[in-house]
Protein backbone atom coordinates (compact mmCIF):
# COMPACT_ATOMS: atom_id res chain seq x y z
CA MET A 1 -0.01 -0.14 -0.02
CA PRO A 2 1.41 3.38 -1.00
CA THR A 3 2.13 6.14 1.66
CA ASP A 4 1.22 9.65 1.28
CA ALA A 5 4.66 10.39 0.10
CA GLU A 6 4.69 7.90 -2.56
CA ASP A 7 1.02 8.73 -3.52
CA THR A 8 1.82 12.35 -4.29
CA GLY A 9 5.28 12.00 -5.43
CA ASP A 10 4.64 13.20 -9.07
CA LEU A 11 2.44 16.16 -8.23
CA ASN A 12 3.67 19.72 -7.39
CA PRO A 13 4.08 20.58 -3.74
CA ARG A 14 0.93 22.71 -3.69
CA GLU A 15 -1.31 19.85 -5.01
CA SER A 16 0.24 17.36 -2.65
CA ALA A 17 -0.47 19.63 0.34
CA ARG A 18 -4.13 20.21 -0.94
CA ILE A 19 -4.52 16.44 -0.92
CA ARG A 20 -2.99 15.95 2.40
CA ARG A 21 -5.32 18.77 3.79
CA ARG A 22 -8.42 17.08 2.04
CA ASP A 23 -7.43 13.86 3.77
CA ARG A 24 -7.02 15.35 6.96
CA ASP A 25 -10.39 17.02 7.01
CA ALA A 26 -12.06 13.91 5.69
CA ASP A 27 -10.82 12.17 8.89
CA ALA A 28 -11.54 15.03 11.41
CA GLU A 29 -15.10 13.73 12.21
CA ALA A 30 -13.87 10.37 13.20
CA ARG A 31 -10.94 12.00 15.37
CA ASP A 32 -13.60 14.17 16.90
CA LEU A 33 -15.48 11.39 18.33
CA LEU A 34 -12.12 9.99 20.20
CA ARG A 35 -11.95 13.22 22.42
CA PRO A 36 -12.28 12.82 26.30
CA GLY A 37 -15.99 12.71 27.36
CA MET A 38 -17.31 11.66 24.03
CA GLY A 39 -18.12 8.15 25.57
CA LYS A 40 -20.40 9.95 28.00
CA VAL A 41 -22.26 11.42 25.07
CA PHE A 42 -22.23 8.14 23.16
CA LYS A 43 -23.73 6.37 26.37
CA GLN A 44 -26.67 9.11 26.41
CA ILE A 45 -27.40 8.70 22.76
CA GLN A 46 -27.62 4.95 23.30
CA ASP A 47 -29.74 5.46 26.51
CA ALA A 48 -32.09 7.66 24.74
CA GLN A 49 -32.59 5.38 21.60
CA ALA A 50 -33.32 2.69 24.00
CA ARG A 51 -36.01 4.50 25.84
CA ALA A 52 -37.56 5.79 22.62
CA ALA A 53 -37.71 2.07 21.36
CA LYS A 54 -39.59 1.16 24.69
CA GLU A 55 -42.40 3.75 24.30
CA PRO A 56 -45.39 3.26 22.14
CA THR A 57 -44.99 4.74 18.70
CA GLY A 58 -48.53 5.44 17.64
CA ARG A 59 -50.92 7.95 19.06
CA ARG A 60 -54.56 7.02 19.66
CA ARG A 61 -57.05 9.02 17.80
CA ARG A 62 -59.99 10.89 19.78
CA LYS A 63 -63.38 9.75 19.42
CA ARG A 64 -65.61 12.33 17.83
């Protein structure tokens, strides 16, 4: 598997830098989830989804 240096070897330096920035920005969201405290947020989301799954989904219609 080629590394970034091998991958951009035949491009000019500006284009190589642009590709590296693009790749870094694409991975930013995944890295953001690794921040300290994000485990708690993940747990809160899972708990909320579990509660929502236990609640009835349909509403009853009022009789006229």
